[in-house]
Amino acid sequence: MRSHLLCCLCAVFLFGCASAELQVADASKHPQVKALLSLGFINLTGAPTLTLKKTRGAREKAVGPDVFVFIEGDGAAWTLFGTTPPRDPTPRGSVALGLVRTTAIKSPASVLYVARPCQFLASSTFTKCATEAWASKRYSNEQLALLLSSTEQGLKSLEKKMLPRLRIILVGHSGGGVMAIRVGAELIRRGHEVVGVVTLASPIDPITWSENHRFSTLDVDTYYNDMDLLAQSQVATHYVGKNDRLIVLADTRNRYRYTPKEITEVAGVGHVAGWLEYWEHVILSDILD
């Protein structure tokens, strides 16, 4: 299928295709997760997806977010030239985890990391996952419900030590941006104070993206309602790399319902390369000023 060939080729160039065997049975053994644990992150037990948090005290400064929430991307690469989904969607190299580490070091805010369903699971638990969870249904309402549960559990655990009403910024790279939009919209509906949703190299118009690249059909359920809500709330900012071949500017414009007002093309940045530096020196710097 041409639909997944490009994804795999990008992943081969950047990370190497995922093995057909399950490689990560314990999240704490993942090198990027280990790096976060060494910085004082703790694993929030009981959440439906891997959720890591680093809690700061209540902030005196009345501007800026109290907490950054990072949503993991779609995960490991497809194999056999993009025709076969990985047996384990756990990312081997994660932009999101890199962003989390940088933010925890540079920012006075608390930081929450939320992995996608079926990532970072022990084999005994992983057997309960269906492949469609990280394939055709990865942006569906079912996956949203799991991410939302993890996120709200994380936020509630922070509120106990901080403030009863947290100012929240959600961030997602690639497919993680799609789910950051979905989680952010639902948090707004539930009365949370979402002050920003930032997407990096994300297919924020999944239907147009899949059609432009002749990708296989994705189940997005009520995703475009979430996009509409964020447009009304004016809290979303979107960034795409000029060197990105997987997500291009034309993939972010929905011809049916919603055209984002603020989409920034970033010179010298690809789908993965350059985002950590741009986040640290430009986006995060602007947020914290």
Protein backbone atom coordinates (compact mmCIF):
# COMPACT_ATOMS: atom_id res chain seq x y z
CA MET A 1 0.00 0.00 0.00
CA ARG A 2 1.33 3.41 -0.93
CA SER A 3 -0.57 4.69 2.07
CA HIS A 4 2.05 3.56 4.54
CA LEU A 5 5.14 3.46 2.32
CA LEU A 6 5.98 7.10 2.93
CA CYS A 7 5.52 6.71 6.67
CA CYS A 8 7.89 3.78 6.73
CA LEU A 9 10.49 5.45 4.53
CA CYS A 10 10.49 8.50 6.79
CA ALA A 11 10.84 6.30 9.84
CA VAL A 12 13.64 4.24 8.28
CA PHE A 13 15.58 7.40 7.58
CA LEU A 14 15.03 8.84 11.03
CA PHE A 15 14.84 5.91 13.40
CA GLY A 16 14.95 2.65 11.45
CA CYS A 17 11.93 0.41 10.95
CA ALA A 18 10.54 -1.26 14.04
CA SER A 19 11.29 -4.90 14.64
CA ALA A 20 8.46 -7.36 14.25
CA GLU A 21 9.16 -8.50 17.83
CA LEU A 22 8.00 -6.69 20.94
CA GLN A 23 11.01 -4.67 22.07
CA VAL A 24 9.74 -2.74 25.08
CA ALA A 25 8.11 -4.80 27.83
CA ASP A 26 8.82 -2.32 30.64
CA ALA A 27 8.42 1.43 30.17
CA SER A 28 11.18 2.14 32.68
CA LYS A 29 13.66 0.41 30.36
CA HIS A 30 12.95 2.79 27.49
CA PRO A 31 16.01 5.10 27.40
CA GLN A 32 13.98 8.30 27.06
CA VAL A 33 11.59 7.28 29.84
CA LYS A 34 14.59 6.41 32.03
CA ALA A 35 15.94 9.89 31.40
CA LEU A 36 12.69 11.41 32.64
CA LEU A 37 12.57 9.20 35.72
CA SER A 38 16.09 10.36 36.55
CA LEU A 39 14.80 13.96 36.45
CA GLY A 40 12.19 13.20 39.10
CA PHE A 41 9.21 12.18 36.96
CA ILE A 42 6.94 9.58 38.50
CA ASN A 43 4.66 7.05 36.83
CA LEU A 44 1.02 7.69 37.62
CA THR A 45 -0.32 4.24 38.40
CA GLY A 46 -3.90 3.40 37.52
CA ALA A 47 -4.10 5.51 34.35
CA PRO A 48 -5.18 3.60 31.20
CA THR A 49 -2.04 4.71 29.31
CA LEU A 50 1.50 5.39 30.49
CA THR A 51 1.36 8.75 32.26
CA LEU A 52 4.42 10.46 33.71
CA LYS A 53 4.37 13.64 35.77
CA LYS A 54 6.75 16.10 37.34
CA THR A 55 5.07 18.36 39.86
CA ARG A 56 6.15 21.88 40.68
CA GLY A 57 4.80 23.98 43.53
CA ALA A 58 2.14 26.67 43.10
CA ARG A 59 3.54 29.47 40.96
CA GLU A 60 3.71 33.06 42.11
CA LYS A 61 3.75 34.38 38.55
CA ALA A 62 0.20 34.90 37.26
CA VAL A 63 1.11 34.43 33.58
CA GLY A 64 2.07 31.36 31.61
CA PRO A 65 0.82 27.82 32.10
CA ASP A 66 0.75 25.89 35.34
CA VAL A 67 1.18 22.62 33.45
CA PHE A 68 2.30 21.41 30.03
CA VAL A 69 0.59 18.24 28.79
CA PHE A 70 2.45 16.35 26.04
CA ILE A 71 0.60 13.74 23.99
CA GLU A 72 2.71 11.03 22.35
CA GLY A 73 2.71 10.56 18.57
CA ASP A 74 1.45 7.57 16.60
CA GLY A 75 4.43 5.43 17.58
CA ALA A 76 6.60 2.84 15.88
CA ALA A 77 7.01 2.61 12.12
CA TRP A 78 5.13 0.26 9.84
CA THR A 79 7.23 -2.55 8.37
CA LEU A 80 7.53 -4.40 5.04
CA PHE A 81 7.58 -1.17 3.05
CA GLY A 82 4.64 0.27 4.92
CA THR A 83 2.22 -2.60 4.39
CA THR A 84 2.26 -4.06 7.90
CA PRO A 85 1.64 -2.20 11.16
CA PRO A 86 4.14 -2.83 13.97
CA ARG A 87 3.27 -5.53 16.46
CA ASP A 88 4.10 -3.03 19.20
CA PRO A 89 3.33 0.69 18.63
CA THR A 90 5.77 1.84 21.35
CA PRO A 91 7.98 4.55 19.82
CA ARG A 92 11.67 3.66 19.58
CA GLY A 93 12.63 7.33 19.30
CA SER A 94 10.13 9.93 20.51
CA VAL A 95 10.07 13.64 19.73
CA ALA A 96 7.43 14.06 22.45
CA LEU A 97 9.65 12.58 25.15
CA GLY A 98 12.45 14.88 24.03
CA LEU A 99 10.14 17.88 24.29
CA VAL A 100 9.07 16.76 27.76
CA ARG A 101 12.66 16.55 28.99
CA THR A 102 13.57 19.98 27.64
CA THR A 103 10.44 21.56 29.10
CA ALA A 104 11.01 19.99 32.51
CA ILE A 105 14.52 21.45 32.59
CA LYS A 106 13.66 24.91 31.23
CA SER A 107 10.18 25.64 32.59
CA PRO A 108 8.91 26.36 36.13
CA ALA A 109 5.60 24.70 35.24
CA SER A 110 4.60 21.12 35.99
CA VAL A 111 4.88 18.67 33.11
CA LEU A 112 2.63 15.75 32.20
CA TYR A 113 3.41 13.14 29.53
CA VAL A 114 0.61 10.91 28.21
CA ALA A 115 1.42 7.95 25.98
CA ARG A 116 -1.03 6.63 23.42
CA PRO A 117 -3.09 3.47 24.03
CA CYS A 118 -1.16 0.18 23.74
CA GLN A 119 2.26 1.85 23.96
CA PHE A 120 4.82 0.87 26.63
CA LEU A 121 2.87 -2.18 27.78
CA ALA A 122 4.16 -5.45 29.18
CA SER A 123 3.42 -8.38 26.87
CA SER A 124 0.82 -9.85 29.23
CA THR A 125 -1.23 -6.64 29.07
CA PHE A 126 -0.44 -5.92 25.43
CA THR A 127 -2.27 -9.06 24.26
CA LYS A 128 -5.55 -7.25 25.04
CA CYS A 129 -4.82 -4.60 22.40
CA ALA A 130 -6.21 -4.78 18.88
CA THR A 131 -4.01 -3.58 16.00
CA GLU A 132 -6.69 -1.14 14.83
CA ALA A 133 -6.06 0.87 18.03
CA TRP A 134 -2.81 2.19 16.53
CA ALA A 135 -3.88 1.88 12.88
CA SER A 136 -7.26 2.92 11.43
CA LYS A 137 -8.80 3.93 14.79
CA ARG A 138 -5.85 5.78 16.28
CA TYR A 139 -7.72 9.14 16.19
CA SER A 140 -11.12 7.73 17.12
CA ASN A 141 -13.42 8.56 20.02
CA GLU A 142 -12.48 5.29 21.68
CA GLN A 143 -8.81 6.26 21.81
CA LEU A 144 -9.75 9.78 22.89
CA ALA A 145 -11.60 8.41 25.91
CA LEU A 146 -8.49 6.57 27.11
CA LEU A 147 -6.21 9.57 26.62
CA LEU A 148 -8.69 11.86 28.30
CA SER A 149 -8.90 9.57 31.32
CA SER A 150 -5.10 9.51 31.68
CA THR A 151 -4.87 13.28 31.25
CA GLU A 152 -7.58 14.09 33.78
CA GLN A 153 -6.10 11.69 36.32
CA GLY A 154 -2.76 13.42 35.88
CA LEU A 155 -4.29 16.88 36.23
CA LYS A 156 -6.21 15.91 39.36
CA SER A 157 -3.04 14.57 40.95
CA LEU A 158 -1.34 17.91 40.24
CA GLU A 159 -4.24 19.98 41.54
CA LYS A 160 -3.92 18.37 44.96
CA LYS A 161 -0.50 20.01 45.40
CA MET A 162 -0.97 23.14 43.31
CA LEU A 163 -4.12 25.03 42.37
CA PRO A 164 -7.78 24.05 42.09
CA ARG A 165 -7.85 25.41 38.52
CA LEU A 166 -4.74 24.87 36.40
CA ARG A 167 -3.79 26.83 33.29
CA ILE A 168 -3.04 24.10 30.75
CA ILE A 169 -1.07 24.00 27.49
CA LEU A 170 -1.30 20.80 25.43
CA VAL A 171 1.42 19.89 22.94
CA GLY A 172 1.58 17.14 20.33
CA HIS A 173 4.02 16.19 17.59
CA SER A 174 2.80 14.47 14.42
CA GLY A 175 -0.26 12.32 15.22
CA GLY A 176 0.07 13.43 18.83
CA GLY A 177 -1.06 16.87 17.70
CA VAL A 178 -4.33 15.44 16.40
CA MET A 179 -5.01 13.91 19.80
CA ALA A 180 -3.84 17.05 21.64
CA ILE A 181 -6.59 18.88 19.73
CA ARG A 182 -9.13 16.24 20.71
CA VAL A 183 -8.12 16.14 24.38
CA GLY A 184 -7.87 19.93 24.58
CA ALA A 185 -11.35 20.43 23.17
CA GLU A 186 -12.87 17.95 25.61
CA LEU A 187 -11.06 19.53 28.55
CA ILE A 188 -12.57 22.88 27.55
CA ARG A 189 -16.02 21.29 27.46
CA ARG A 190 -15.43 19.95 30.96
CA GLY A 191 -14.51 23.35 32.35
CA HIS A 192 -10.73 23.15 32.43
CA GLU A 193 -8.72 26.28 31.64
CA VAL A 194 -6.92 25.39 28.42
CA VAL A 195 -4.77 28.37 27.45
CA GLY A 196 -3.00 26.77 24.52
CA VAL A 197 -2.87 23.81 22.14
CA VAL A 198 0.35 23.53 20.11
CA THR A 199 0.76 21.09 17.22
CA LEU A 200 4.09 20.33 15.55
CA ALA A 201 4.20 18.60 12.15
CA SER A 202 0.67 17.32 12.72
CA PRO A 203 -1.95 16.22 10.15
CA ILE A 204 -4.52 18.55 11.69
CA ASP A 205 -6.87 17.87 8.78
CA PRO A 206 -6.68 14.05 8.71
CA ILE A 207 -9.19 13.60 5.87
CA THR A 208 -7.43 16.02 3.53
CA TRP A 209 -4.04 14.60 4.58
CA SER A 210 -5.05 11.02 3.81
CA GLU A 211 -6.57 12.06 0.47
CA ASN A 212 -3.56 14.19 -0.55
CA HIS A 213 -1.15 11.31 0.03
CA ARG A 214 -3.54 8.50 -0.94
CA PHE A 215 -3.32 7.07 2.54
CA SER A 216 -5.78 4.51 3.83
CA THR A 217 -8.97 5.80 5.47
CA LEU A 218 -8.84 6.87 9.11
CA ASP A 219 -11.70 6.78 11.61
CA VAL A 220 -11.78 10.33 13.01
CA ASP A 221 -15.30 10.22 14.50
CA THR A 222 -16.18 13.70 15.83
CA TYR A 223 -12.68 15.16 15.42
CA TYR A 224 -13.79 18.12 13.30
CA ASN A 225 -16.17 19.25 16.03
CA ASP A 226 -13.12 19.51 18.26
CA MET A 227 -11.34 21.58 15.63
CA ASP A 228 -14.34 23.90 15.44
CA LEU A 229 -14.33 24.38 19.20
CA LEU A 230 -10.63 25.26 19.26
CA ALA A 231 -11.19 27.73 16.42
CA GLN A 232 -13.88 29.43 18.46
CA SER A 233 -11.69 29.40 21.58
CA GLN A 234 -8.67 30.78 19.66
CA VAL A 235 -6.17 28.79 21.71
CA ALA A 236 -4.52 26.65 19.00
CA THR A 237 -1.27 27.33 17.15
CA HIS A 238 0.07 25.02 14.44
CA TYR A 239 3.57 24.58 13.04
CA VAL A 240 4.79 22.61 10.02
CA GLY A 241 8.35 22.16 8.78
CA LYS A 242 9.27 23.45 5.33
CA ASN A 243 11.48 20.38 4.86
CA ASP A 244 8.73 17.96 5.91
CA ARG A 245 7.51 15.64 3.18
CA LEU A 246 5.04 13.69 5.31
CA ILE A 247 3.03 16.67 6.58
CA VAL A 248 2.94 19.65 4.22
CA LEU A 249 1.07 22.94 4.49
CA ALA A 250 -1.70 21.72 2.17
CA ASP A 251 -2.42 18.88 4.61
CA THR A 252 -3.51 21.33 7.31
CA ARG A 253 -6.35 23.00 5.42
CA ASN A 254 -9.75 21.40 5.70
CA ARG A 255 -11.85 22.25 2.68
CA TYR A 256 -15.04 21.15 4.45
CA ARG A 257 -15.40 23.10 7.67
CA TYR A 258 -12.37 24.74 9.23
CA THR A 259 -9.31 26.68 8.10
CA PRO A 260 -6.78 27.38 10.88
CA LYS A 261 -5.93 31.07 11.08
CA GLU A 262 -2.42 30.59 12.37
CA ILE A 263 -0.18 28.02 10.75
CA THR A 264 3.56 28.73 10.80
CA GLU A 265 5.97 27.15 8.34
CA VAL A 266 9.35 26.66 9.97
CA ALA A 267 12.43 26.86 7.76
CA GLY A 268 15.06 24.14 8.11
CA VAL A 269 12.76 21.76 9.99
CA GLY A 270 11.56 18.36 8.76
CA HIS A 271 9.09 15.90 10.18
CA VAL A 272 11.37 15.07 13.11
CA ALA A 273 14.63 16.96 12.63
CA GLY A 274 14.76 20.42 14.16
CA TRP A 275 11.67 20.39 16.37
CA LEU A 276 13.48 20.02 19.70
CA GLU A 277 15.62 23.06 18.96
CA TYR A 278 12.70 25.11 17.63
CA TRP A 279 10.56 24.24 20.62
CA GLU A 280 13.26 25.20 23.12
CA HIS A 281 14.54 28.38 21.50
CA VAL A 282 11.38 29.79 19.92
CA ILE A 283 8.04 28.37 21.06
CA LEU A 284 8.84 27.57 24.69
CA SER A 285 10.84 30.75 25.03
CA ASP A 286 7.87 32.80 23.81
CA ILE A 287 5.48 30.99 26.16
CA LEU A 288 7.67 31.61 29.20
CA ASP A 289 8.46 35.27 28.47
